[in-house]
PDB file of N, CA and C in Angstrom:
ATOM      1  N   UNK A   1     -45.688 -51.081 -54.848  1.00  0.00           N
ATOM      2  CA  UNK A   1     -47.126 -51.178 -54.667  1.00  0.00           C
ATOM      3  C   UNK A   1     -47.732 -52.267 -55.545  1.00  0.00           C
ATOM      4  N   UNK A   2     -47.179 -52.417 -56.741  1.00  0.00           N
ATOM      5  CA  UNK A   2     -47.744 -53.386 -57.673  1.00  0.00           C
ATOM      6  C   UNK A   2     -47.453 -54.821 -57.267  1.00  0.00           C
ATOM      7  N   UNK A   3     -46.352 -55.054 -56.584  1.00  0.00           N
ATOM      8  CA  UNK A   3     -45.978 -56.418 -56.211  1.00  0.00           C
ATOM      9  C   UNK A   3     -46.500 -56.829 -54.843  1.00  0.00           C
ATOM     10  N   UNK A   4     -46.945 -55.866 -54.062  1.00  0.00           N
ATOM     11  CA  UNK A   4     -47.409 -56.159 -52.709  1.00  0.00           C
ATOM     12  C   UNK A   4     -48.835 -56.692 -52.738  1.00  0.00           C
ATOM     13  N   UNK A   5     -49.098 -57.670 -51.896  1.00  0.00           N
ATOM     14  CA  UNK A   5     -50.456 -58.199 -51.764  1.00  0.00           C
ATOM     15  C   UNK A   5     -51.362 -57.066 -51.279  1.00  0.00           C
ATOM     16  N   UNK A   6     -52.503 -56.858 -51.910  1.00  0.00           N
ATOM     17  CA  UNK A   6     -53.363 -55.719 -51.559  1.00  0.00           C
ATOM     18  C   UNK A   6     -53.723 -55.647 -50.076  1.00  0.00           C
ATOM     19  N   UNK A   7     -53.861 -56.791 -49.414  1.00  0.00           N
ATOM     20  CA  UNK A   7     -54.209 -56.788 -47.990  1.00  0.00           C
ATOM     21  C   UNK A   7     -53.123 -56.164 -47.126  1.00  0.00           C
ATOM     22  N   UNK A   8     -51.892 -56.120 -47.637  1.00  0.00           N
ATOM     23  CA  UNK A   8     -50.765 -55.600 -46.853  1.00  0.00           C
ATOM     24  C   UNK A   8     -50.461 -54.135 -47.146  1.00  0.00           C
ATOM     25  N   UNK A   9     -51.229 -53.530 -48.039  1.00  0.00           N
ATOM     26  CA  UNK A   9     -51.014 -52.126 -48.368  1.00  0.00           C
ATOM     27  C   UNK A   9     -51.708 -51.215 -47.366  1.00  0.00           C
ATOM     28  N   UNK A  10     -51.083 -50.073 -47.089  1.00  0.00           N
ATOM     29  CA  UNK A  10     -51.690 -49.051 -46.242  1.00  0.00           C
ATOM     30  C   UNK A  10     -52.780 -48.345 -47.063  1.00  0.00           C
ATOM     31  N   UNK A  11     -53.738 -47.700 -46.391  1.00  0.00           N
ATOM     32  CA  UNK A  11     -54.833 -47.034 -47.121  1.00  0.00           C
ATOM     33  C   UNK A  11     -54.343 -46.017 -48.154  1.00  0.00           C
ATOM     34  N   UNK A  12     -53.322 -45.235 -47.825  1.00  0.00           N
ATOM     35  CA  UNK A  12     -52.834 -44.246 -48.789  1.00  0.00           C
ATOM     36  C   UNK A  12     -52.140 -44.924 -49.981  1.00  0.00           C
ATOM     37  N   UNK A  13     -51.509 -46.071 -49.736  1.00  0.00           N
ATOM     38  CA  UNK A  13     -50.894 -46.829 -50.825  1.00  0.00           C
ATOM     39  C   UNK A  13     -51.965 -47.430 -51.734  1.00  0.00           C
ATOM     40  N   UNK A  14     -53.025 -47.934 -51.131  1.00  0.00           N
ATOM     41  CA  UNK A  14     -54.148 -48.461 -51.920  1.00  0.00           C
ATOM     42  C   UNK A  14     -54.754 -47.381 -52.805  1.00  0.00           C
ATOM     43  N   UNK A  15     -54.890 -46.186 -52.258  1.00  0.00           N
ATOM     44  CA  UNK A  15     -55.451 -45.074 -53.025  1.00  0.00           C
ATOM     45  C   UNK A  15     -54.553 -44.722 -54.206  1.00  0.00           C
ATOM     46  N   UNK A  16     -53.240 -44.687 -53.965  1.00  0.00           N
ATOM     47  CA  UNK A  16     -52.295 -44.386 -55.043  1.00  0.00           C
ATOM     48  C   UNK A  16     -52.338 -45.473 -56.118  1.00  0.00           C
ATOM     49  N   UNK A  17     -52.424 -46.726 -55.682  1.00  0.00           N
ATOM     50  CA  UNK A  17     -52.505 -47.842 -56.629  1.00  0.00           C
ATOM     51  C   UNK A  17     -53.766 -47.733 -57.486  1.00  0.00           C
ATOM     52  N   UNK A  18     -54.885 -47.397 -56.864  1.00  0.00           N
ATOM     53  CA  UNK A  18     -56.135 -47.253 -57.615  1.00  0.00           C
ATOM     54  C   UNK A  18     -56.024 -46.160 -58.674  1.00  0.00           C
ATOM     55  N   UNK A  19     -55.350 -45.074 -58.342  1.00  0.00           N
ATOM     56  CA  UNK A  19     -55.151 -43.990 -59.310  1.00  0.00           C
ATOM     57  C   UNK A  19     -54.335 -44.495 -60.501  1.00  0.00           C
ATOM     58  N   UNK A  20     -53.261 -45.224 -60.221  1.00  0.00           N
ATOM     59  CA  UNK A  20     -52.422 -45.780 -61.295  1.00  0.00           C
ATOM     60  C   UNK A  20     -53.243 -46.679 -62.215  1.00  0.00           C
ATOM     61  N   UNK A  21     -54.049 -47.544 -61.601  1.00  0.00           N
ATOM     62  CA  UNK A  21     -54.812 -48.515 -62.390  1.00  0.00           C
ATOM     63  C   UNK A  21     -55.886 -47.848 -63.241  1.00  0.00           C
ATOM     64  N   UNK A  22     -56.470 -46.773 -62.746  1.00  0.00           N
ATOM     65  CA  UNK A  22     -57.475 -46.048 -63.522  1.00  0.00           C
ATOM     66  C   UNK A  22     -56.811 -45.354 -64.711  1.00  0.00           C
ATOM     67  N   UNK A  23     -55.604 -44.844 -64.509  1.00  0.00           N
ATOM     68  CA  UNK A  23     -54.903 -44.098 -65.560  1.00  0.00           C
ATOM     69  C   UNK A  23     -54.390 -44.989 -66.688  1.00  0.00           C
ATOM     70  N   UNK A  24     -54.074 -46.240 -66.399  1.00  0.00           N
ATOM     71  CA  UNK A  24     -53.446 -47.107 -67.406  1.00  0.00           C
ATOM     72  C   UNK A  24     -54.156 -48.469 -67.457  1.00  0.00           C
ATOM     73  N   UNK A  25     -54.979 -48.706 -68.482  1.00  0.00           N
ATOM     74  CA  UNK A  25     -55.714 -49.974 -68.563  1.00  0.00           C
ATOM     75  C   UNK A  25     -54.802 -51.195 -68.748  1.00  0.00           C
ATOM     76  N   UNK A  26     -53.653 -51.017 -69.416  1.00  0.00           N
ATOM     77  CA  UNK A  26     -52.724 -52.142 -69.575  1.00  0.00           C
ATOM     78  C   UNK A  26     -52.135 -52.541 -68.225  1.00  0.00           C
ATOM     79  N   UNK A  27     -51.772 -51.543 -67.443  1.00  0.00           N
ATOM     80  CA  UNK A  27     -51.245 -51.810 -66.103  1.00  0.00           C
ATOM     81  C   UNK A  27     -52.308 -52.488 -65.247  1.00  0.00           C
ATOM     82  N   UNK A  28     -53.543 -52.078 -65.398  1.00  0.00           N
ATOM     83  CA  UNK A  28     -54.637 -52.678 -64.644  1.00  0.00           C
ATOM     84  C   UNK A  28     -54.792 -54.164 -64.989  1.00  0.00           C
ATOM     85  N   UNK A  29     -54.728 -54.486 -66.284  1.00  0.00           N
ATOM     86  CA  UNK A  29     -54.846 -55.888 -66.685  1.00  0.00           C
ATOM     87  C   UNK A  29     -53.664 -56.714 -66.160  1.00  0.00           C
ATOM     88  N   UNK A  30     -52.465 -56.156 -66.222  1.00  0.00           N
ATOM     89  CA  UNK A  30     -51.289 -56.855 -65.678  1.00  0.00           C
ATOM     90  C   UNK A  30     -51.446 -57.089 -64.180  1.00  0.00           C
ATOM     91  N   UNK A  31     -51.890 -56.066 -63.487  1.00  0.00           N
ATOM     92  CA  UNK A  31     -52.042 -56.156 -62.038  1.00  0.00           C
ATOM     93  C   UNK A  31     -53.062 -57.228 -61.656  1.00  0.00           C
ATOM     94  N   UNK A  32     -54.202 -57.236 -62.327  1.00  0.00           N
ATOM     95  CA  UNK A  32     -55.228 -58.214 -61.972  1.00  0.00           C
ATOM     96  C   UNK A  32     -54.864 -59.621 -62.425  1.00  0.00           C
ATOM     97  N   UNK A  33     -54.067 -59.747 -63.488  1.00  0.00           N
ATOM     98  CA  UNK A  33     -53.556 -61.065 -63.872  1.00  0.00           C
ATOM     99  C   UNK A  33     -52.638 -61.595 -62.774  1.00  0.00           C
ATOM    100  N   UNK A  34     -51.802 -60.716 -62.211  1.00  0.00           N
ATOM    101  CA  UNK A  34     -50.929 -61.117 -61.101  1.00  0.00           C
ATOM    102  C   UNK A  34     -51.749 -61.537 -59.884  1.00  0.00           C
ATOM    103  N   UNK A  35     -52.746 -60.750 -59.554  1.00  0.00           N
ATOM    104  CA  UNK A  35     -53.575 -61.087 -58.392  1.00  0.00           C
ATOM    105  C   UNK A  35     -54.317 -62.402 -58.618  1.00  0.00           C
ATOM    106  N   UNK A  36     -54.770 -62.630 -59.847  1.00  0.00           N
ATOM    107  CA  UNK A  36     -55.474 -63.879 -60.161  1.00  0.00           C
ATOM    108  C   UNK A  36     -54.541 -65.083 -60.032  1.00  0.00           C
ATOM    109  N   UNK A  37     -53.290 -64.945 -60.493  1.00  0.00           N
ATOM    110  CA  UNK A  37     -52.367 -66.079 -60.400  1.00  0.00           C
ATOM    111  C   UNK A  37     -52.011 -66.343 -58.938  1.00  0.00           C
ATOM    112  N   UNK A  38     -52.003 -65.304 -58.120  1.00  0.00           N
ATOM    113  CA  UNK A  38     -51.777 -65.510 -56.682  1.00  0.00           C
ATOM    114  C   UNK A  38     -52.892 -66.358 -56.075  1.00  0.00           C
ATOM    115  N   UNK A  39     -54.110 -66.124 -56.509  1.00  0.00           N
ATOM    116  CA  UNK A  39     -55.213 -66.926 -55.981  1.00  0.00           C
ATOM    117  C   UNK A  39     -55.117 -68.366 -56.465  1.00  0.00           C
ATOM    118  N   UNK A  40     -54.588 -68.561 -57.678  1.00  0.00           N
ATOM    119  CA  UNK A  40     -54.400 -69.923 -58.189  1.00  0.00           C
ATOM    120  C   UNK A  40     -53.427 -70.677 -57.281  1.00  0.00           C
ATOM    121  N   UNK A  41     -52.303 -70.063 -56.951  1.00  0.00           N
ATOM    122  CA  UNK A  41     -51.298 -70.738 -56.134  1.00  0.00           C
ATOM    123  C   UNK A  41     -51.710 -70.877 -54.668  1.00  0.00           C
ATOM    124  N   UNK A  42     -52.725 -70.157 -54.251  1.00  0.00           N
ATOM    125  CA  UNK A  42     -53.186 -70.259 -52.866  1.00  0.00           C
ATOM    126  C   UNK A  42     -54.183 -71.392 -52.662  1.00  0.00           C
ATOM    127  N   UNK A  43     -54.631 -72.019 -53.742  1.00  0.00           N
ATOM    128  CA  UNK A  43     -55.615 -73.096 -53.656  1.00  0.00           C
ATOM    129  C   UNK A  43     -55.015 -74.284 -52.909  1.00  0.00           C
ATOM    130  N   UNK A  44     -55.824 -74.959 -52.121  1.00  0.00           N
ATOM    131  CA  UNK A  44     -55.339 -76.004 -51.224  1.00  0.00           C
ATOM    132  C   UNK A  44     -55.190 -77.390 -51.852  1.00  0.00           C
ATOM    133  N   UNK A  45     -56.088 -77.782 -52.741  1.00  0.00           N
ATOM    134  CA  UNK A  45     -56.062 -79.154 -53.252  1.00  0.00           C
ATOM    135  C   UNK A  45     -55.578 -79.209 -54.695  1.00  0.00           C
ATOM    136  N   UNK A  46     -55.131 -80.378 -55.103  1.00  0.00           N
ATOM    137  CA  UNK A  46     -54.623 -80.564 -56.456  1.00  0.00           C
ATOM    138  C   UNK A  46     -55.713 -80.326 -57.498  1.00  0.00           C
ATOM    139  N   UNK A  47     -56.877 -80.899 -57.284  1.00  0.00           N
ATOM    140  CA  UNK A  47     -57.960 -80.754 -58.253  1.00  0.00           C
ATOM    141  C   UNK A  47     -58.388 -79.293 -58.383  1.00  0.00           C
ATOM    142  N   UNK A  48     -58.545 -78.625 -57.258  1.00  0.00           N
ATOM    143  CA  UNK A  48     -58.943 -77.219 -57.279  1.00  0.00           C
ATOM    144  C   UNK A  48     -57.853 -76.359 -57.917  1.00  0.00           C
ATOM    145  N   UNK A  49     -56.598 -76.709 -57.683  1.00  0.00           N
ATOM    146  CA  UNK A  49     -55.488 -75.972 -58.273  1.00  0.00           C
ATOM    147  C   UNK A  49     -55.458 -76.102 -59.777  1.00  0.00           C
ATOM    148  N   UNK A  50     -55.622 -77.323 -60.269  1.00  0.00           N
ATOM    149  CA  UNK A  50     -55.629 -77.534 -61.716  1.00  0.00           C
ATOM    150  C   UNK A  50     -56.809 -76.818 -62.369  1.00  0.00           C
ATOM    151  N   UNK A  51     -57.947 -76.840 -61.698  1.00  0.00           N
ATOM    152  CA  UNK A  51     -59.133 -76.147 -62.212  1.00  0.00           C
ATOM    153  C   UNK A  51     -58.916 -74.633 -62.223  1.00  0.00           C
ATOM    154  N   UNK A  52     -58.337 -74.104 -61.146  1.00  0.00           N
ATOM    155  CA  UNK A  52     -58.079 -72.664 -61.070  1.00  0.00           C
ATOM    156  C   UNK A  52     -57.060 -72.235 -62.123  1.00  0.00           C
ATOM    157  N   UNK A  53     -56.058 -73.071 -62.370  1.00  0.00           N
ATOM    158  CA  UNK A  53     -55.065 -72.759 -63.391  1.00  0.00           C
ATOM    159  C   UNK A  53     -55.710 -72.718 -64.773  1.00  0.00           C
ATOM    160  N   UNK A  54     -56.576 -73.688 -65.071  1.00  0.00           N
ATOM    161  CA  UNK A  54     -57.282 -73.698 -66.356  1.00  0.00           C
ATOM    162  C   UNK A  54     -58.141 -72.446 -66.517  1.00  0.00           C
ATOM    163  N   UNK A  55     -58.809 -72.050 -65.445  1.00  0.00           N
ATOM    164  CA  UNK A  55     -59.643 -70.848 -65.495  1.00  0.00           C
ATOM    165  C   UNK A  55     -58.784 -69.615 -65.754  1.00  0.00           C
ATOM    166  N   UNK A  56     -57.617 -69.545 -65.092  1.00  0.00           N
ATOM    167  CA  UNK A  56     -56.720 -68.415 -65.303  1.00  0.00           C
ATOM    168  C   UNK A  56     -56.289 -68.351 -66.768  1.00  0.00           C
ATOM    169  N   UNK A  57     -55.933 -69.487 -67.333  1.00  0.00           N
ATOM    170  CA  UNK A  57     -55.498 -69.532 -68.730  1.00  0.00           C
ATOM    171  C   UNK A  57     -56.617 -69.059 -69.647  1.00  0.00           C
ATOM    172  N   UNK A  58     -57.827 -69.563 -69.444  1.00  0.00           N
ATOM    173  CA  UNK A  58     -58.971 -69.173 -70.281  1.00  0.00           C
ATOM    174  C   UNK A  58     -59.227 -67.671 -70.155  1.00  0.00           C
ATOM    175  N   UNK A  59     -59.138 -67.151 -68.943  1.00  0.00           N
ATOM    176  CA  UNK A  59     -59.419 -65.732 -68.712  1.00  0.00           C
ATOM    177  C   UNK A  59     -58.375 -64.812 -69.342  1.00  0.00           C
ATOM    178  N   UNK A  60     -57.120 -65.267 -69.439  1.00  0.00           N
ATOM    179  CA  UNK A  60     -56.040 -64.365 -69.831  1.00  0.00           C
ATOM    180  C   UNK A  60     -55.350 -64.702 -71.148  1.00  0.00           C
ATOM    181  N   UNK A  61     -55.669 -65.829 -71.759  1.00  0.00           N
ATOM    182  CA  UNK A  61     -54.984 -66.228 -72.993  1.00  0.00           C
ATOM    183  C   UNK A  61     -55.254 -65.259 -74.145  1.00  0.00           C
ATOM    184  N   UNK A  62     -56.407 -64.650 -74.174  1.00  0.00           N
ATOM    185  CA  UNK A  62     -56.755 -63.719 -75.243  1.00  0.00           C
ATOM    186  C   UNK A  62     -56.894 -62.291 -74.729  1.00  0.00           C
ATOM    187  N   UNK A  63     -56.089 -61.957 -73.742  1.00  0.00           N
ATOM    188  CA  UNK A  63     -56.098 -60.609 -73.171  1.00  0.00           C
ATOM    189  C   UNK A  63     -55.665 -59.582 -74.216  1.00  0.00           C
ATOM    190  N   UNK A  64     -56.221 -58.380 -74.170  1.00  0.00           N
ATOM    191  CA  UNK A  64     -55.773 -57.336 -75.097  1.00  0.00           C
ATOM    192  C   UNK A  64     -54.370 -56.819 -74.782  1.00  0.00           C
ATOM    193  N   UNK A  65     -53.844 -57.161 -73.616  1.00  0.00           N
ATOM    194  CA  UNK A  65     -52.502 -56.733 -73.236  1.00  0.00           C
ATOM    195  C   UNK A  65     -51.494 -57.796 -73.667  1.00  0.00           C
ATOM    196  N   UNK A  66     -50.556 -57.456 -74.553  1.00  0.00           N
ATOM    197  CA  UNK A  66     -49.608 -58.447 -75.073  1.00  0.00           C
ATOM    198  C   UNK A  66     -48.802 -59.168 -73.998  1.00  0.00           C
ATOM    199  N   UNK A  67     -48.401 -58.470 -72.945  1.00  0.00           N
ATOM    200  CA  UNK A  67     -47.604 -59.104 -71.894  1.00  0.00           C
ATOM    201  C   UNK A  67     -48.398 -60.195 -71.185  1.00  0.00           C
ATOM    202  N   UNK A  68     -49.663 -59.961 -70.940  1.00  0.00           N
ATOM    203  CA  UNK A  68     -50.504 -60.957 -70.275  1.00  0.00           C
ATOM    204  C   UNK A  68     -50.698 -62.168 -71.185  1.00  0.00           C
ATOM    205  N   UNK A  69     -50.930 -61.910 -72.475  1.00  0.00           N
ATOM    206  CA  UNK A  69     -51.060 -63.015 -73.435  1.00  0.00           C
ATOM    207  C   UNK A  69     -49.790 -63.847 -73.474  1.00  0.00           C
ATOM    208  N   UNK A  70     -48.646 -63.187 -73.476  1.00  0.00           N
ATOM    209  CA  UNK A  70     -47.366 -63.894 -73.516  1.00  0.00           C
ATOM    210  C   UNK A  70     -47.175 -64.771 -72.278  1.00  0.00           C
ATOM    211  N   UNK A  71     -47.512 -64.251 -71.125  1.00  0.00           N
ATOM    212  CA  UNK A  71     -47.407 -65.026 -69.884  1.00  0.00           C
ATOM    213  C   UNK A  71     -48.347 -66.230 -69.938  1.00  0.00           C
ATOM    214  N   UNK A  72     -49.560 -66.007 -70.413  1.00  0.00           N
ATOM    215  CA  UNK A  72     -50.537 -67.102 -70.504  1.00  0.00           C
ATOM    216  C   UNK A  72     -50.041 -68.189 -71.453  1.00  0.00           C
ATOM    217  N   UNK A  73     -49.456 -67.800 -72.593  1.00  0.00           N
ATOM    218  CA  UNK A  73     -48.924 -68.782 -73.531  1.00  0.00           C
ATOM    219  C   UNK A  73     -47.781 -69.571 -72.908  1.00  0.00           C
ATOM    220  N   UNK A  74     -46.930 -68.893 -72.152  1.00  0.00           N
ATOM    221  CA  UNK A  74     -45.819 -69.566 -71.475  1.00  0.00           C
ATOM    222  C   UNK A  74     -46.352 -70.565 -70.457  1.00  0.00           C
ATOM    223  N   UNK A  75     -47.389 -70.186 -69.738  1.00  0.00           N
ATOM    224  CA  UNK A  75     -47.982 -71.092 -68.750  1.00  0.00           C
ATOM    225  C   UNK A  75     -48.605 -72.302 -69.448  1.00  0.00           C
ATOM    226  N   UNK A  76     -49.228 -72.092 -70.599  1.00  0.00           N
ATOM    227  CA  UNK A  76     -49.802 -73.216 -71.347  1.00  0.00           C
ATOM    228  C   UNK A  76     -48.695 -74.190 -71.739  1.00  0.00           C
ATOM    229  N   UNK A  77     -47.555 -73.671 -72.198  1.00  0.00           N
ATOM    230  CA  UNK A  77     -46.445 -74.531 -72.617  1.00  0.00           C
ATOM    231  C   UNK A  77     -45.847 -75.317 -71.449  1.00  0.00           C
ATOM    232  N   UNK A  78     -45.821 -74.714 -70.257  1.00  0.00           N
ATOM    233  CA  UNK A  78     -45.240 -75.391 -69.107  1.00  0.00           C
ATOM    234  C   UNK A  78     -46.285 -75.828 -68.105  1.00  0.00           C
ATOM    235  N   UNK A  79     -47.458 -76.138 -68.593  1.00  0.00           N
ATOM    236  CA  UNK A  79     -48.598 -76.419 -67.719  1.00  0.00           C
ATOM    237  C   UNK A  79     -48.390 -77.644 -66.839  1.00  0.00           C
ATOM    238  N   UNK A  80     -47.831 -78.702 -67.374  1.00  0.00           N
ATOM    239  CA  UNK A  80     -47.685 -79.933 -66.594  1.00  0.00           C
ATOM    240  C   UNK A  80     -46.792 -79.735 -65.361  1.00  0.00           C
ATOM    241  N   UNK A  81     -45.588 -79.155 -65.504  1.00  0.00           N
ATOM    242  CA  UNK A  81     -44.779 -78.926 -64.301  1.00  0.00           C
ATOM    243  C   UNK A  81     -45.454 -77.981 -63.299  1.00  0.00           C
ATOM    244  N   UNK A  82     -46.199 -77.012 -63.822  1.00  0.00           N
ATOM    245  CA  UNK A  82     -46.899 -76.095 -62.920  1.00  0.00           C
ATOM    246  C   UNK A  82     -47.957 -76.858 -62.138  1.00  0.00           C
ATOM    247  N   UNK A  83     -48.635 -77.787 -62.778  1.00  0.00           N
ATOM    248  CA  UNK A  83     -49.669 -78.562 -62.085  1.00  0.00           C
ATOM    249  C   UNK A  83     -49.057 -79.479 -61.021  1.00  0.00           C
ATOM    250  N   UNK A  84     -47.800 -79.872 -61.200  1.00  0.00           N
ATOM    251  CA  UNK A  84     -47.143 -80.692 -60.184  1.00  0.00           C
ATOM    252  C   UNK A  84     -47.002 -79.940 -58.860  1.00  0.00           C
ATOM    253  N   UNK A  85     -46.944 -78.612 -58.949  1.00  0.00           N
ATOM    254  CA  UNK A  85     -46.857 -77.818 -57.731  1.00  0.00           C
ATOM    255  C   UNK A  85     -48.031 -78.119 -56.795  1.00  0.00           C
ATOM    256  N   UNK A  86     -49.195 -78.307 -57.359  1.00  0.00           N
ATOM    257  CA  UNK A  86     -50.384 -78.542 -56.540  1.00  0.00           C
ATOM    258  C   UNK A  86     -50.333 -79.898 -55.839  1.00  0.00           C
ATOM    259  N   UNK A  87     -49.524 -80.824 -56.353  1.00  0.00           N
ATOM    260  CA  UNK A  87     -49.362 -82.132 -55.713  1.00  0.00           C
ATOM    261  C   UNK A  87     -48.310 -82.088 -54.601  1.00  0.00           C
ATOM    262  N   UNK A  88     -47.180 -81.435 -54.898  1.00  0.00           N
ATOM    263  CA  UNK A  88     -46.032 -81.521 -53.992  1.00  0.00           C
ATOM    264  C   UNK A  88     -45.730 -80.230 -53.239  1.00  0.00           C
ATOM    265  N   UNK A  89     -46.262 -79.098 -53.688  1.00  0.00           N
ATOM    266  CA  UNK A  89     -46.044 -77.789 -53.061  1.00  0.00           C
ATOM    267  C   UNK A  89     -44.563 -77.436 -52.955  1.00  0.00           C
ATOM    268  N   UNK A  90     -43.814 -77.760 -53.996  1.00  0.00           N
ATOM    269  CA  UNK A  90     -42.395 -77.455 -54.051  1.00  0.00           C
ATOM    270  C   UNK A  90     -42.109 -76.790 -55.398  1.00  0.00           C
ATOM    271  N   UNK A  91     -41.269 -75.745 -55.390  1.00  0.00           N
ATOM    272  CA  UNK A  91     -40.867 -75.106 -56.636  1.00  0.00           C
ATOM    273  C   UNK A  91     -39.345 -75.075 -56.708  1.00  0.00           C
ATOM    274  N   UNK A  92     -38.829 -74.704 -57.854  1.00  0.00           N
ATOM    275  CA  UNK A  92     -37.391 -74.569 -58.027  1.00  0.00           C
ATOM    276  C   UNK A  92     -36.983 -73.098 -57.972  1.00  0.00           C
ATOM    277  N   UNK A  93     -37.789 -72.264 -57.364  1.00  0.00           N
ATOM    278  CA  UNK A  93     -37.549 -70.823 -57.341  1.00  0.00           C
ATOM    279  C   UNK A  93     -36.222 -70.467 -56.688  1.00  0.00           C
ATOM    280  N   UNK A  94     -35.868 -71.112 -55.585  1.00  0.00           N
ATOM    281  CA  UNK A  94     -34.620 -70.772 -54.893  1.00  0.00           C
ATOM    282  C   UNK A  94     -33.410 -71.086 -55.756  1.00  0.00           C
ATOM    283  N   UNK A  95     -33.396 -72.231 -56.411  1.00  0.00           N
ATOM    284  CA  UNK A  95     -32.255 -72.578 -57.250  1.00  0.00           C
ATOM    285  C   UNK A  95     -32.204 -71.678 -58.481  1.00  0.00           C
ATOM    286  N   UNK A  96     -33.360 -71.294 -59.020  1.00  0.00           N
ATOM    287  CA  UNK A  96     -33.384 -70.370 -60.151  1.00  0.00           C
ATOM    288  C   UNK A  96     -32.830 -69.007 -59.738  1.00  0.00           C
ATOM    289  N   UNK A  97     -33.172 -68.560 -58.536  1.00  0.00           N
ATOM    290  CA  UNK A  97     -32.637 -67.292 -58.029  1.00  0.00           C
ATOM    291  C   UNK A  97     -31.134 -67.343 -57.863  1.00  0.00           C
ATOM    292  N   UNK A  98     -30.639 -68.454 -57.323  1.00  0.00           N
ATOM    293  CA  UNK A  98     -29.197 -68.624 -57.159  1.00  0.00           C
ATOM    294  C   UNK A  98     -28.513 -68.647 -58.520  1.00  0.00           C
ATOM    295  N   UNK A  99     -29.085 -69.356 -59.459  1.00  0.00           N
ATOM    296  CA  UNK A  99     -28.532 -69.431 -60.808  1.00  0.00           C
ATOM    297  C   UNK A  99     -28.454 -68.040 -61.436  1.00  0.00           C
ATOM    298  N   UNK A 100     -29.487 -67.250 -61.250  1.00  0.00           N
ATOM    299  CA  UNK A 100     -29.502 -65.895 -61.789  1.00  0.00           C
ATOM    300  C   UNK A 100     -28.405 -65.041 -61.157  1.00  0.00           C
ATOM    301  N   UNK A 101     -28.200 -65.165 -59.849  1.00  0.00           N
ATOM    302  CA  UNK A 101     -27.152 -64.396 -59.174  1.00  0.00           C
ATOM    303  C   UNK A 101     -25.772 -64.766 -59.688  1.00  0.00           C
ATOM    304  N   UNK A 102     -25.541 -66.052 -59.923  1.00  0.00           N
ATOM    305  CA  UNK A 102     -24.254 -66.499 -60.469  1.00  0.00           C
ATOM    306  C   UNK A 102     -24.041 -65.881 -61.852  1.00  0.00           C
ATOM    307  N   UNK A 103     -25.072 -65.868 -62.681  1.00  0.00           N
ATOM    308  CA  UNK A 103     -24.955 -65.284 -64.014  1.00  0.00           C
ATOM    309  C   UNK A 103     -24.648 -63.788 -63.934  1.00  0.00           C
ATOM    310  N   UNK A 104     -25.272 -63.084 -62.997  1.00  0.00           N
ATOM    311  CA  UNK A 104     -25.019 -61.649 -62.837  1.00  0.00           C
ATOM    312  C   UNK A 104     -23.572 -61.417 -62.412  1.00  0.00           C
ATOM    313  N   UNK A 105     -23.081 -62.218 -61.479  1.00  0.00           N
ATOM    314  CA  UNK A 105     -21.691 -62.089 -61.025  1.00  0.00           C
ATOM    315  C   UNK A 105     -20.728 -62.341 -62.186  1.00  0.00           C
ATOM    316  N   UNK A 106     -20.996 -63.371 -62.968  1.00  0.00           N
ATOM    317  CA  UNK A 106     -20.139 -63.672 -64.119  1.00  0.00           C
ATOM    318  C   UNK A 106     -20.160 -62.516 -65.123  1.00  0.00           C
ATOM    319  N   UNK A 107     -21.328 -61.952 -65.359  1.00  0.00           N
ATOM    320  CA  UNK A 107     -21.452 -60.861 -66.318  1.00  0.00           C
ATOM    321  C   UNK A 107     -20.696 -59.630 -65.845  1.00  0.00           C
ATOM    322  N   UNK A 108     -20.793 -59.323 -64.556  1.00  0.00           N
ATOM    323  CA  UNK A 108     -20.110 -58.152 -64.013  1.00  0.00           C
ATOM    324  C   UNK A 108     -18.601 -58.346 -63.988  1.00  0.00           C
ATOM    325  N   UNK A 109     -18.154 -59.589 -63.873  1.00  0.00           N
ATOM    326  CA  UNK A 109     -16.722 -59.869 -63.797  1.00  0.00           C
ATOM    327  C   UNK A 109     -16.082 -60.039 -65.184  1.00  0.00           C
ATOM    328  N   UNK A 110     -16.862 -59.898 -66.239  1.00  0.00           N
ATOM    329  CA  UNK A 110     -16.336 -60.099 -67.586  1.00  0.00           C
ATOM    330  C   UNK A 110     -15.206 -59.088 -67.833  1.00  0.00           C
ATOM    331  N   UNK A 111     -14.088 -59.576 -68.299  1.00  0.00           N
ATOM    332  CA  UNK A 111     -12.961 -58.714 -68.620  1.00  0.00           C
ATOM    333  C   UNK A 111     -11.842 -58.750 -67.602  1.00  0.00           C
ATOM    334  N   UNK A 112     -12.104 -59.255 -66.390  1.00  0.00           N
ATOM    335  CA  UNK A 112     -11.009 -59.404 -65.427  1.00  0.00           C
ATOM    336  C   UNK A 112     -10.075 -60.507 -65.920  1.00  0.00           C
ATOM    337  N   UNK A 113      -8.775 -60.245 -65.858  1.00  0.00           N
ATOM    338  CA  UNK A 113      -7.818 -61.217 -66.373  1.00  0.00           C
ATOM    339  C   UNK A 113      -7.546 -62.349 -65.386  1.00  0.00           C
ATOM    340  N   UNK A 114      -7.497 -62.020 -64.116  1.00  0.00           N
ATOM    341  CA  UNK A 114      -7.256 -63.036 -63.099  1.00  0.00           C
ATOM    342  C   UNK A 114      -7.815 -62.563 -61.769  1.00  0.00           C
ATOM    343  N   UNK A 115      -7.813 -63.425 -60.774  1.00  0.00           N
ATOM    344  CA  UNK A 115      -8.357 -63.051 -59.470  1.00  0.00           C
ATOM    345  C   UNK A 115      -7.448 -62.068 -58.767  1.00  0.00           C
TER     346      UNK A 115
END
């Protein structure tokens, strides 16, 4: 429920999500930070994207939730490559996913002597 775009949730799922968010303010801040970053990446032009990214950073850099602050600091450090996305609309997500899968396979195979 937390990772799904709100427009794609069923009414009963939306209700359950609202209950979760009311019960836990940290979860609520994390959830809305995620939704805000989704709107940043949905922006059409480079200028609007860079502006939306700056607004996201300002809104979340001093969040009371440590995880949100940490994400905002990471985005500040890698801001230039992130802004390139708005120019070219290309990410390295697929290769990063493949790299992660290779690492998991290597970790699980640790200790085998031979094939």
